[in-house]
Amino acid sequence: MYGKIIAGYDGRPSSEDALALAKVIAGATGAELTAAAIMLADPFWGGPDPHLRGLESDLREELAGAAERAGAELVIRPSTSTARGLHELAEELDADLLVVGSASAGRVGQLLAGNVALSLLHGSPCAVALAPKGYAESSAREVKEVTVGYDGSPESHAAIGDAIEFARRTGAALTIVGVAEVPPISYGKGANQGRRELAHDIEEIIHARLDELVGELPDGLRVKRVLASGDPAQVLVETAKADGGVLFVGSRAYGPLRSVLLGSVSRELVRSAPCTLIVHPRSAAVEPPAGALSGQRESAR
């Protein structure tokens, strides 16, 4: 579970959402919380723009007050970009989770990744959480339901272990969503029949994996499983709870180890998920031999 959490904070409403969400997650997990303010440093000046120095002391006071209210340690760092500064700080502190807000263009309660979030979601060294717009002003911050996408692949195990533990610590209901997605590989005569048979086989495999996984979950969890066919992102959007929900997904299967790299499912979810979204990086700890489900599960815990 998370031991060190960083919330990107600059005083804007979206960063208030990020800090509020980070506080909730830290409270549930006992994690150390850092509020990170990245001061843009222009190489031309060799540091912060001297024209902004008159505002710096007032801004520092505002940031310190926000961090204190959230029970967070304030860290102020110069960098050529906000995303780069957060990335470097996450590496330095060996953080487990980076929390950022949604773009201002979205509707209240909607996820819509801005430039900083998208940059972090393409290479962050740790998991990234995206707070819905208006989260800080919402009266419903209690975590009521944790939803996690699962297909038995190594990358889905990067998310499911933390989803299970987060549900246990918050007392939230846990919904495990297995989606039987048929790859578009059938061509020629008899393709439709072959596709139907393939869909049936995939559903059977996912069903068996869900049975095995649910059967070995910790006692006391309120667990629901969902088996569906079709587009994984759409199924997850329709299943996740908008009010008090947290959705966990894994990063795509290839790319640097321990780095987030958006695939088609997570890319769609940053635009349309109805609740808090946490995207986990590909982890070296979850790469068991194909078919060794019990080994996959142990690696995820």
C-alpha atoms as a PDB file:
ATOM      1  CA  MET A   1       0.000   0.000   0.000  1.00  0.00           C
ATOM      2  CA  TYR A   2       1.059   3.637  -0.228  1.00  0.00           C
ATOM      3  CA  GLY A   3       3.714   4.854   2.196  1.00  0.00           C
ATOM      4  CA  LYS A   4       4.558   8.228   0.619  1.00  0.00           C
ATOM      5  CA  ILE A   5       2.084  10.411  -1.261  1.00  0.00           C
ATOM      6  CA  ILE A   6       2.801  13.647  -3.141  1.00  0.00           C
ATOM      7  CA  ALA A   7       0.029  16.088  -4.064  1.00  0.00           C
ATOM      8  CA  GLY A   8       0.791  18.687  -6.709  1.00  0.00           C
ATOM      9  CA  TYR A   9      -0.324  22.036  -5.287  1.00  0.00           C
ATOM     10  CA  ASP A  10      -0.247  25.599  -6.631  1.00  0.00           C
ATOM     11  CA  GLY A  11      -3.312  27.183  -5.033  1.00  0.00           C
ATOM     12  CA  ARG A  12      -5.612  26.743  -8.023  1.00  0.00           C
ATOM     13  CA  PRO A  13      -8.938  24.895  -7.588  1.00  0.00           C
ATOM     14  CA  SER A  14      -7.678  21.784  -9.363  1.00  0.00           C
ATOM     15  CA  SER A  15      -4.753  21.554  -6.942  1.00  0.00           C
ATOM     16  CA  GLU A  16      -7.155  22.002  -4.026  1.00  0.00           C
ATOM     17  CA  ASP A  17      -8.945  18.924  -5.368  1.00  0.00           C
ATOM     18  CA  ALA A  18      -5.645  17.049  -5.538  1.00  0.00           C
ATOM     19  CA  LEU A  19      -4.657  17.972  -1.994  1.00  0.00           C
ATOM     20  CA  ALA A  20      -8.078  17.042  -0.629  1.00  0.00           C
ATOM     21  CA  LEU A  21      -7.962  13.643  -2.323  1.00  0.00           C
ATOM     22  CA  ALA A  22      -4.386  13.033  -1.187  1.00  0.00           C
ATOM     23  CA  LYS A  23      -5.433  13.803   2.398  1.00  0.00           C
ATOM     24  CA  VAL A  24      -8.252  11.219   2.199  1.00  0.00           C
ATOM     25  CA  ILE A  25      -5.944   8.540   0.776  1.00  0.00           C
ATOM     26  CA  ALA A  26      -3.182   9.314   3.290  1.00  0.00           C
ATOM     27  CA  GLY A  27      -5.688   9.146   6.126  1.00  0.00           C
ATOM     28  CA  ALA A  28      -6.837   5.710   5.001  1.00  0.00           C
ATOM     29  CA  THR A  29      -3.367   4.294   4.413  1.00  0.00           C
ATOM     30  CA  GLY A  30      -1.268   6.059   7.050  1.00  0.00           C
ATOM     31  CA  ALA A  31       1.006   7.437   4.332  1.00  0.00           C
ATOM     32  CA  GLU A  32       3.321  10.421   4.671  1.00  0.00           C
ATOM     33  CA  LEU A  33       1.815  13.340   2.757  1.00  0.00           C
ATOM     34  CA  THR A  34       3.813  15.974   0.889  1.00  0.00           C
ATOM     35  CA  ALA A  35       2.311  19.039  -0.778  1.00  0.00           C
ATOM     36  CA  ALA A  36       4.623  19.863  -3.669  1.00  0.00           C
ATOM     37  CA  ALA A  37       4.711  23.329  -5.187  1.00  0.00           C
ATOM     38  CA  ILE A  38       6.787  23.549  -8.343  1.00  0.00           C
ATOM     39  CA  MET A  39       8.093  27.033  -9.057  1.00  0.00           C
ATOM     40  CA  LEU A  40       8.802  27.411 -12.746  1.00  0.00           C
ATOM     41  CA  ALA A  41      12.429  28.334 -13.301  1.00  0.00           C
ATOM     42  CA  ASP A  42      13.289  29.989 -16.595  1.00  0.00           C
ATOM     43  CA  PRO A  43      16.767  28.999 -17.855  1.00  0.00           C
ATOM     44  CA  PHE A  44      17.094  32.511 -19.290  1.00  0.00           C
ATOM     45  CA  TRP A  45      17.187  33.972 -15.779  1.00  0.00           C
ATOM     46  CA  GLY A  46      19.119  31.084 -14.295  1.00  0.00           C
ATOM     47  CA  GLY A  47      16.261  30.491 -11.864  1.00  0.00           C
ATOM     48  CA  PRO A  48      12.845  32.007 -11.051  1.00  0.00           C
ATOM     49  CA  ASP A  49      11.818  35.021 -13.094  1.00  0.00           C
ATOM     50  CA  PRO A  50      12.999  38.065 -11.072  1.00  0.00           C
ATOM     51  CA  HIS A  51       9.832  39.917 -12.079  1.00  0.00           C
ATOM     52  CA  LEU A  52       7.820  37.463  -9.947  1.00  0.00           C
ATOM     53  CA  ARG A  53       9.931  37.648  -6.813  1.00  0.00           C
ATOM     54  CA  GLY A  54       7.652  40.234  -5.267  1.00  0.00           C
ATOM     55  CA  LEU A  55       4.839  37.711  -5.308  1.00  0.00           C
ATOM     56  CA  GLU A  56       6.886  34.779  -4.071  1.00  0.00           C
ATOM     57  CA  SER A  57       6.659  35.463  -0.317  1.00  0.00           C
ATOM     58  CA  ASP A  58       2.862  35.835  -0.445  1.00  0.00           C
ATOM     59  CA  LEU A  59       2.574  32.629  -2.441  1.00  0.00           C
ATOM     60  CA  ARG A  60       4.808  30.731  -0.033  1.00  0.00           C
ATOM     61  CA  GLU A  61       2.626  31.834   2.879  1.00  0.00           C
ATOM     62  CA  GLU A  62      -0.506  30.663   1.051  1.00  0.00           C
ATOM     63  CA  LEU A  63       1.070  27.306   0.193  1.00  0.00           C
ATOM     64  CA  ALA A  64       2.289  26.781   3.747  1.00  0.00           C
ATOM     65  CA  GLY A  65      -1.193  27.420   5.123  1.00  0.00           C
ATOM     66  CA  ALA A  66      -2.789  24.927   2.737  1.00  0.00           C
ATOM     67  CA  ALA A  67      -0.202  22.273   3.533  1.00  0.00           C
ATOM     68  CA  GLU A  68      -0.681  22.753   7.275  1.00  0.00           C
ATOM     69  CA  ARG A  69      -4.472  22.380   6.979  1.00  0.00           C
ATOM     70  CA  ALA A  70      -3.998  19.110   5.082  1.00  0.00           C
ATOM     71  CA  GLY A  71      -1.427  17.792   7.552  1.00  0.00           C
ATOM     72  CA  ALA A  72       1.181  17.744   4.797  1.00  0.00           C
ATOM     73  CA  GLU A  73       4.828  18.719   4.598  1.00  0.00           C
ATOM     74  CA  LEU A  74       5.371  21.524   2.101  1.00  0.00           C
ATOM     75  CA  VAL A  75       8.146  21.157  -0.454  1.00  0.00           C
ATOM     76  CA  ILE A  76       8.826  23.977  -2.913  1.00  0.00           C
ATOM     77  CA  ARG A  77      11.062  23.142  -5.860  1.00  0.00           C
ATOM     78  CA  PRO A  78      12.174  25.003  -8.982  1.00  0.00           C
ATOM     79  CA  SER A  79      11.859  23.219 -12.313  1.00  0.00           C
ATOM     80  CA  THR A  80      11.448  23.981 -15.982  1.00  0.00           C
ATOM     81  CA  SER A  81       7.985  22.365 -15.918  1.00  0.00           C
ATOM     82  CA  THR A  82       5.485  21.285 -13.291  1.00  0.00           C
ATOM     83  CA  ALA A  83       5.353  17.690 -14.536  1.00  0.00           C
ATOM     84  CA  ARG A  84       9.139  17.402 -14.560  1.00  0.00           C
ATOM     85  CA  GLY A  85       9.400  18.833 -11.062  1.00  0.00           C
ATOM     86  CA  LEU A  86       6.817  16.401  -9.684  1.00  0.00           C
ATOM     87  CA  HIS A  87       8.451  13.480 -11.494  1.00  0.00           C
ATOM     88  CA  GLU A  88      11.897  14.302 -10.101  1.00  0.00           C
ATOM     89  CA  LEU A  89      10.537  14.815  -6.591  1.00  0.00           C
ATOM     90  CA  ALA A  90       8.700  11.474  -6.747  1.00  0.00           C
ATOM     91  CA  GLU A  91      11.973   9.772  -7.654  1.00  0.00           C
ATOM     92  CA  GLU A  92      13.889  11.601  -4.938  1.00  0.00           C
ATOM     93  CA  LEU A  93      11.382  10.765  -2.186  1.00  0.00           C
ATOM     94  CA  ASP A  94      10.682   7.273  -3.559  1.00  0.00           C
ATOM     95  CA  ALA A  95       6.986   8.142  -3.574  1.00  0.00           C
ATOM     96  CA  ASP A  96       4.270   5.546  -4.099  1.00  0.00           C
ATOM     97  CA  LEU A  97       1.548   7.878  -5.399  1.00  0.00           C
ATOM     98  CA  LEU A  98       1.346  11.249  -7.171  1.00  0.00           C
ATOM     99  CA  VAL A  99      -2.013  13.054  -6.916  1.00  0.00           C
ATOM    100  CA  VAL A 100      -3.042  15.774  -9.372  1.00  0.00           C
ATOM    101  CA  GLY A 101      -6.259  17.563 -10.259  1.00  0.00           C
ATOM    102  CA  SER A 102      -8.370  17.535 -13.409  1.00  0.00           C
ATOM    103  CA  ALA A 103      -8.380  20.167 -16.132  1.00  0.00           C
ATOM    104  CA  SER A 104     -10.556  23.200 -15.518  1.00  0.00           C
ATOM    105  CA  ALA A 105     -12.459  22.649 -18.768  1.00  0.00           C
ATOM    106  CA  GLY A 106     -14.302  19.582 -17.489  1.00  0.00           C
ATOM    107  CA  ARG A 107     -17.648  19.400 -15.719  1.00  0.00           C
ATOM    108  CA  VAL A 108     -17.856  19.213 -11.923  1.00  0.00           C
ATOM    109  CA  GLY A 109     -17.297  15.630 -10.844  1.00  0.00           C
ATOM    110  CA  GLN A 110     -15.676  14.728 -14.153  1.00  0.00           C
ATOM    111  CA  LEU A 111     -12.163  13.556 -14.858  1.00  0.00           C
ATOM    112  CA  LEU A 112     -10.293  15.300 -17.622  1.00  0.00           C
ATOM    113  CA  ALA A 113      -6.520  15.160 -17.515  1.00  0.00           C
ATOM    114  CA  GLY A 114      -4.706  18.431 -18.133  1.00  0.00           C
ATOM    115  CA  ASN A 115      -1.191  18.850 -19.482  1.00  0.00           C
ATOM    116  CA  VAL A 116       0.517  18.063 -16.174  1.00  0.00           C
ATOM    117  CA  ALA A 117      -1.561  14.944 -15.549  1.00  0.00           C
ATOM    118  CA  LEU A 118      -1.061  13.667 -19.077  1.00  0.00           C
ATOM    119  CA  SER A 119       2.690  14.180 -18.845  1.00  0.00           C
ATOM    120  CA  LEU A 120       2.819  12.269 -15.570  1.00  0.00           C
ATOM    121  CA  LEU A 121       0.601   9.535 -16.981  1.00  0.00           C
ATOM    122  CA  HIS A 122       3.228   8.924 -19.650  1.00  0.00           C
ATOM    123  CA  GLY A 123       6.208   7.983 -17.547  1.00  0.00           C
ATOM    124  CA  SER A 124       5.576   8.612 -13.848  1.00  0.00           C
ATOM    125  CA  PRO A 125       7.826   6.502 -11.605  1.00  0.00           C
ATOM    126  CA  CYS A 126       4.870   5.685  -9.345  1.00  0.00           C
ATOM    127  CA  ALA A 127       1.099   5.394  -9.418  1.00  0.00           C
ATOM    128  CA  VAL A 128      -0.868   8.511 -10.414  1.00  0.00           C
ATOM    129  CA  ALA A 129      -4.237   9.520  -8.957  1.00  0.00           C
ATOM    130  CA  LEU A 130      -6.489  11.974 -10.759  1.00  0.00           C
ATOM    131  CA  ALA A 131      -8.977  13.900  -8.611  1.00  0.00           C
ATOM    132  CA  PRO A 132     -12.350  14.775 -10.166  1.00  0.00           C
ATOM    133  CA  LYS A 133     -13.127  18.431 -10.709  1.00  0.00           C
ATOM    134  CA  GLY A 134     -14.753  19.956  -7.627  1.00  0.00           C
ATOM    135  CA  TYR A 135     -13.593  17.183  -5.284  1.00  0.00           C
ATOM    136  CA  ALA A 136     -12.401  19.637  -2.612  1.00  0.00           C
ATOM    137  CA  GLU A 137     -15.847  21.253  -2.464  1.00  0.00           C
ATOM    138  CA  SER A 138     -17.730  17.965  -2.458  1.00  0.00           C
ATOM    139  CA  SER A 139     -19.397  16.909   0.773  1.00  0.00           C
ATOM    140  CA  ALA A 140     -19.093  13.224  -0.170  1.00  0.00           C
ATOM    141  CA  ARG A 141     -15.423  12.396   0.270  1.00  0.00           C
ATOM    142  CA  GLU A 142     -16.037   9.120   2.084  1.00  0.00           C
ATOM    143  CA  VAL A 143     -14.761   6.192   0.027  1.00  0.00           C
ATOM    144  CA  LYS A 144     -17.805   4.012  -0.524  1.00  0.00           C
ATOM    145  CA  GLU A 145     -16.760   1.693  -3.305  1.00  0.00           C
ATOM    146  CA  VAL A 146     -13.469   0.576  -4.821  1.00  0.00           C
ATOM    147  CA  THR A 147     -13.596  -0.758  -8.373  1.00  0.00           C
ATOM    148  CA  VAL A 148     -10.697  -2.495 -10.078  1.00  0.00           C
ATOM    149  CA  GLY A 149     -10.256  -3.791 -13.606  1.00  0.00           C
ATOM    150  CA  TYR A 150      -8.902  -7.347 -13.745  1.00  0.00           C
ATOM    151  CA  ASP A 151      -8.008  -9.650 -16.625  1.00  0.00           C
ATOM    152  CA  GLY A 152      -5.364 -11.845 -15.062  1.00  0.00           C
ATOM    153  CA  SER A 153      -2.516 -10.081 -16.847  1.00  0.00           C
ATOM    154  CA  PRO A 154       0.607  -8.892 -14.992  1.00  0.00           C
ATOM    155  CA  GLU A 155      -0.310  -5.229 -15.419  1.00  0.00           C
ATOM    156  CA  SER A 156      -3.745  -5.714 -13.846  1.00  0.00           C
ATOM    157  CA  HIS A 157      -2.012  -7.219 -10.816  1.00  0.00           C
ATOM    158  CA  ALA A 158      -0.133  -3.945 -10.376  1.00  0.00           C
ATOM    159  CA  ALA A 159      -3.463  -2.387  -9.387  1.00  0.00           C
ATOM    160  CA  ILE A 160      -5.492  -5.174  -7.816  1.00  0.00           C
ATOM    161  CA  GLY A 161      -3.325  -5.707  -4.739  1.00  0.00           C
ATOM    162  CA  ASP A 162      -3.609  -2.062  -3.710  1.00  0.00           C
ATOM    163  CA  ALA A 163      -7.321  -1.968  -4.591  1.00  0.00           C
ATOM    164  CA  ILE A 164      -7.974  -4.897  -2.260  1.00  0.00           C
ATOM    165  CA  GLU A 165      -5.925  -3.364   0.551  1.00  0.00           C
ATOM    166  CA  PHE A 166      -7.498   0.083   0.065  1.00  0.00           C
ATOM    167  CA  ALA A 167     -10.999  -1.398   0.262  1.00  0.00           C
ATOM    168  CA  ARG A 168     -10.031  -3.278   3.422  1.00  0.00           C
ATOM    169  CA  ARG A 169      -8.617  -0.174   5.118  1.00  0.00           C
ATOM    170  CA  THR A 170     -11.506   2.124   4.185  1.00  0.00           C
ATOM    171  CA  GLY A 171     -14.279  -0.413   4.744  1.00  0.00           C
ATOM    172  CA  ALA A 172     -15.514   0.259   1.223  1.00  0.00           C
ATOM    173  CA  ALA A 173     -17.199  -2.317  -0.958  1.00  0.00           C
ATOM    174  CA  LEU A 174     -14.928  -3.905  -3.564  1.00  0.00           C
ATOM    175  CA  THR A 175     -16.054  -4.531  -7.127  1.00  0.00           C
ATOM    176  CA  ILE A 176     -13.752  -6.611  -9.329  1.00  0.00           C
ATOM    177  CA  VAL A 177     -14.513  -6.180 -13.011  1.00  0.00           C
ATOM    178  CA  GLY A 178     -13.402  -8.854 -15.436  1.00  0.00           C
ATOM    179  CA  VAL A 179     -13.890  -7.886 -19.073  1.00  0.00           C
ATOM    180  CA  ALA A 180     -13.716 -10.501 -21.815  1.00  0.00           C
ATOM    181  CA  GLU A 181     -12.355  -8.487 -24.731  1.00  0.00           C
ATOM    182  CA  VAL A 182     -11.929 -10.389 -28.004  1.00  0.00           C
ATOM    183  CA  PRO A 183      -8.896  -9.243 -30.016  1.00  0.00           C
ATOM    184  CA  PRO A 184      -9.687  -8.238 -33.628  1.00  0.00           C
ATOM    185  CA  ILE A 185      -7.740 -11.068 -35.257  1.00  0.00           C
ATOM    186  CA  SER A 186     -10.404 -13.101 -37.073  1.00  0.00           C
ATOM    187  CA  TYR A 187     -10.486 -12.869 -40.853  1.00  0.00           C
ATOM    188  CA  GLY A 188     -11.776 -14.831 -43.806  1.00  0.00           C
ATOM    189  CA  LYS A 189     -14.456 -17.482 -44.170  1.00  0.00           C
ATOM    190  CA  GLY A 190     -15.894 -18.666 -40.886  1.00  0.00           C
ATOM    191  CA  ALA A 191     -14.449 -15.686 -39.032  1.00  0.00           C
ATOM    192  CA  ASN A 192     -17.703 -14.884 -37.196  1.00  0.00           C
ATOM    193  CA  GLN A 193     -18.037 -18.413 -35.897  1.00  0.00           C
ATOM    194  CA  GLY A 194     -14.405 -18.421 -34.826  1.00  0.00           C
ATOM    195  CA  ARG A 195     -14.852 -15.091 -33.082  1.00  0.00           C
ATOM    196  CA  ARG A 196     -17.867 -16.371 -31.151  1.00  0.00           C
ATOM    197  CA  GLU A 197     -15.945 -19.435 -30.039  1.00  0.00           C
ATOM    198  CA  LEU A 198     -12.999 -17.283 -29.016  1.00  0.00           C
ATOM    199  CA  ALA A 199     -15.286 -14.948 -27.045  1.00  0.00           C
ATOM    200  CA  HIS A 200     -16.785 -17.925 -25.223  1.00  0.00           C
ATOM    201  CA  ASP A 201     -13.342 -19.314 -24.365  1.00  0.00           C
ATOM    202  CA  ILE A 202     -12.120 -15.937 -23.069  1.00  0.00           C
ATOM    203  CA  GLU A 203     -15.235 -15.527 -20.920  1.00  0.00           C
ATOM    204  CA  GLU A 204     -14.677 -18.973 -19.421  1.00  0.00           C
ATOM    205  CA  ILE A 205     -11.068 -18.151 -18.571  1.00  0.00           C
ATOM    206  CA  ILE A 206     -11.918 -14.779 -16.992  1.00  0.00           C
ATOM    207  CA  HIS A 207     -14.788 -16.387 -15.065  1.00  0.00           C
ATOM    208  CA  ALA A 208     -12.448 -19.034 -13.639  1.00  0.00           C
ATOM    209  CA  ARG A 209      -9.844 -16.435 -12.701  1.00  0.00           C
ATOM    210  CA  LEU A 210     -12.443 -14.317 -10.919  1.00  0.00           C
ATOM    211  CA  ASP A 211     -13.690 -17.376  -9.012  1.00  0.00           C
ATOM    212  CA  GLU A 212     -10.180 -18.205  -7.881  1.00  0.00           C
ATOM    213  CA  LEU A 213      -9.336 -14.625  -6.948  1.00  0.00           C
ATOM    214  CA  VAL A 214     -12.545 -13.957  -5.006  1.00  0.00           C
ATOM    215  CA  GLY A 215     -12.187 -17.262  -3.195  1.00  0.00           C
ATOM    216  CA  GLU A 216      -8.887 -16.172  -1.648  1.00  0.00           C
ATOM    217  CA  LEU A 217      -9.709 -12.598  -0.678  1.00  0.00           C
ATOM    218  CA  PRO A 218      -9.345 -11.553   2.987  1.00  0.00           C
ATOM    219  CA  ASP A 219     -12.337 -12.186   5.229  1.00  0.00           C
ATOM    220  CA  GLY A 220     -14.622  -9.258   5.952  1.00  0.00           C
ATOM    221  CA  LEU A 221     -14.514  -7.644   2.516  1.00  0.00           C
ATOM    222  CA  ARG A 222     -17.795  -6.855   0.820  1.00  0.00           C
ATOM    223  CA  VAL A 223     -17.040  -8.138  -2.650  1.00  0.00           C
ATOM    224  CA  LYS A 224     -18.959  -8.049  -5.893  1.00  0.00           C
ATOM    225  CA  ARG A 225     -17.647  -9.381  -9.153  1.00  0.00           C
ATOM    226  CA  VAL A 226     -18.703  -8.287 -12.607  1.00  0.00           C
ATOM    227  CA  LEU A 227     -18.054 -10.314 -15.742  1.00  0.00           C
ATOM    228  CA  ALA A 228     -18.788  -8.462 -18.957  1.00  0.00           C
ATOM    229  CA  SER A 229     -17.927  -8.507 -22.634  1.00  0.00           C
ATOM    230  CA  GLY A 230     -17.096  -5.543 -24.822  1.00  0.00           C
ATOM    231  CA  ASP A 231     -15.008  -2.420 -24.507  1.00  0.00           C
ATOM    232  CA  PRO A 232     -13.122  -2.488 -21.157  1.00  0.00           C
ATOM    233  CA  ALA A 233     -13.144   1.291 -20.664  1.00  0.00           C
ATOM    234  CA  GLN A 234     -16.891   1.533 -21.233  1.00  0.00           C
ATOM    235  CA  VAL A 235     -17.590  -1.350 -18.851  1.00  0.00           C
ATOM    236  CA  LEU A 236     -15.445   0.228 -16.134  1.00  0.00           C
ATOM    237  CA  VAL A 237     -17.099   3.641 -16.603  1.00  0.00           C
ATOM    238  CA  GLU A 238     -20.539   2.074 -16.302  1.00  0.00           C
ATOM    239  CA  THR A 239     -19.568   0.026 -13.245  1.00  0.00           C
ATOM    240  CA  ALA A 240     -17.562   2.518 -11.156  1.00  0.00           C
ATOM    241  CA  LYS A 241     -19.495   4.484  -8.563  1.00  0.00           C
ATOM    242  CA  ALA A 242     -19.615   8.216  -9.241  1.00  0.00           C
ATOM    243  CA  ASP A 243     -20.342   9.237  -5.630  1.00  0.00           C
ATOM    244  CA  GLY A 244     -17.522   8.118  -3.350  1.00  0.00           C
ATOM    245  CA  GLY A 245     -15.962   5.745  -5.839  1.00  0.00           C
ATOM    246  CA  VAL A 246     -12.294   5.050  -6.568  1.00  0.00           C
ATOM    247  CA  LEU A 247     -11.298   3.222  -9.754  1.00  0.00           C
ATOM    248  CA  PHE A 248      -7.988   1.335  -9.958  1.00  0.00           C
ATOM    249  CA  VAL A 249      -6.447   0.245 -13.256  1.00  0.00           C
ATOM    250  CA  GLY A 250      -3.041  -0.998 -14.356  1.00  0.00           C
ATOM    251  CA  SER A 251      -0.751   0.590 -16.903  1.00  0.00           C
ATOM    252  CA  ARG A 252      -0.182  -1.038 -20.285  1.00  0.00           C
ATOM    253  CA  ALA A 253       1.833  -4.226 -20.509  1.00  0.00           C
ATOM    254  CA  TYR A 254       4.947  -2.898 -22.211  1.00  0.00           C
ATOM    255  CA  GLY A 255       7.258   0.005 -21.608  1.00  0.00           C
ATOM    256  CA  PRO A 256       9.759   0.783 -18.830  1.00  0.00           C
ATOM    257  CA  LEU A 257       9.373  -1.183 -15.614  1.00  0.00           C
ATOM    258  CA  ARG A 258       7.891   0.757 -12.691  1.00  0.00           C
ATOM    259  CA  SER A 259       6.645   3.465 -15.037  1.00  0.00           C
ATOM    260  CA  VAL A 260       3.146   4.503 -15.988  1.00  0.00           C
ATOM    261  CA  LEU A 261       2.440   4.341 -19.708  1.00  0.00           C
ATOM    262  CA  LEU A 262      -1.135   4.917 -20.820  1.00  0.00           C
ATOM    263  CA  GLY A 263      -2.781   2.273 -22.955  1.00  0.00           C
ATOM    264  CA  SER A 264      -6.075   2.630 -24.810  1.00  0.00           C
ATOM    265  CA  VAL A 265      -8.186   1.759 -21.744  1.00  0.00           C
ATOM    266  CA  SER A 266      -6.513   4.103 -19.250  1.00  0.00           C
ATOM    267  CA  ARG A 267      -6.327   6.850 -21.894  1.00  0.00           C
ATOM    268  CA  GLU A 268     -10.108   6.713 -22.294  1.00  0.00           C
ATOM    269  CA  LEU A 269     -10.678   6.585 -18.541  1.00  0.00           C
ATOM    270  CA  VAL A 270      -8.796   9.845 -17.873  1.00  0.00           C
ATOM    271  CA  ARG A 271     -11.452  11.508 -20.020  1.00  0.00           C
ATOM    272  CA  SER A 272     -14.569   9.692 -18.892  1.00  0.00           C
ATOM    273  CA  ALA A 273     -14.195   7.974 -15.514  1.00  0.00           C
ATOM    274  CA  PRO A 274     -16.991   9.122 -13.176  1.00  0.00           C
ATOM    275  CA  CYS A 275     -14.801   9.126 -10.051  1.00  0.00           C
ATOM    276  CA  THR A 276     -11.252   9.231  -8.708  1.00  0.00           C
ATOM    277  CA  LEU A 277      -8.923   7.261 -10.976  1.00  0.00           C
ATOM    278  CA  ILE A 278      -5.651   5.653  -9.867  1.00  0.00           C
ATOM    279  CA  VAL A 279      -3.380   4.310 -12.615  1.00  0.00           C
ATOM    280  CA  HIS A 280      -0.630   1.951 -11.504  1.00  0.00           C
ATOM    281  CA  PRO A 281       2.719   1.547 -13.249  1.00  0.00           C
ATOM    282  CA  ARG A 282       3.976  -1.684 -14.691  1.00  0.00           C
ATOM    283  CA  SER A 283       5.830  -3.442 -11.897  1.00  0.00           C
ATOM    284  CA  ALA A 284       8.719  -5.869 -12.015  1.00  0.00           C
ATOM    285  CA  ALA A 285       7.150  -7.666  -9.072  1.00  0.00           C
ATOM    286  CA  VAL A 286       4.194  -8.961 -11.037  1.00  0.00           C
ATOM    287  CA  GLU A 287       5.597 -10.920 -13.941  1.00  0.00           C
ATOM    288  CA  PRO A 288       4.840 -14.593 -13.174  1.00  0.00           C
ATOM    289  CA  PRO A 289       4.823 -17.344 -15.791  1.00  0.00           C
ATOM    290  CA  ALA A 290       1.730 -17.396 -17.990  1.00  0.00           C
ATOM    291  CA  GLY A 291      -1.073 -19.321 -16.349  1.00  0.00           C
ATOM    292  CA  ALA A 292       0.413 -19.282 -12.851  1.00  0.00           C
ATOM    293  CA  LEU A 293      -2.533 -17.475 -11.290  1.00  0.00           C
ATOM    294  CA  SER A 294      -1.675 -18.252  -7.707  1.00  0.00           C
ATOM    295  CA  GLY A 295       1.810 -16.874  -8.223  1.00  0.00           C
ATOM    296  CA  GLN A 296       0.364 -13.743  -9.828  1.00  0.00           C
ATOM    297  CA  ARG A 297      -1.854 -13.171  -6.849  1.00  0.00           C
ATOM    298  CA  GLU A 298       0.954 -13.564  -4.322  1.00  0.00           C
ATOM    299  CA  SER A 299       3.119 -11.089  -6.253  1.00  0.00           C
ATOM    300  CA  ALA A 300       0.335  -8.511  -6.146  1.00  0.00           C
ATOM    301  CA  ARG A 301       0.032  -8.616  -2.359  1.00  0.00           C
END
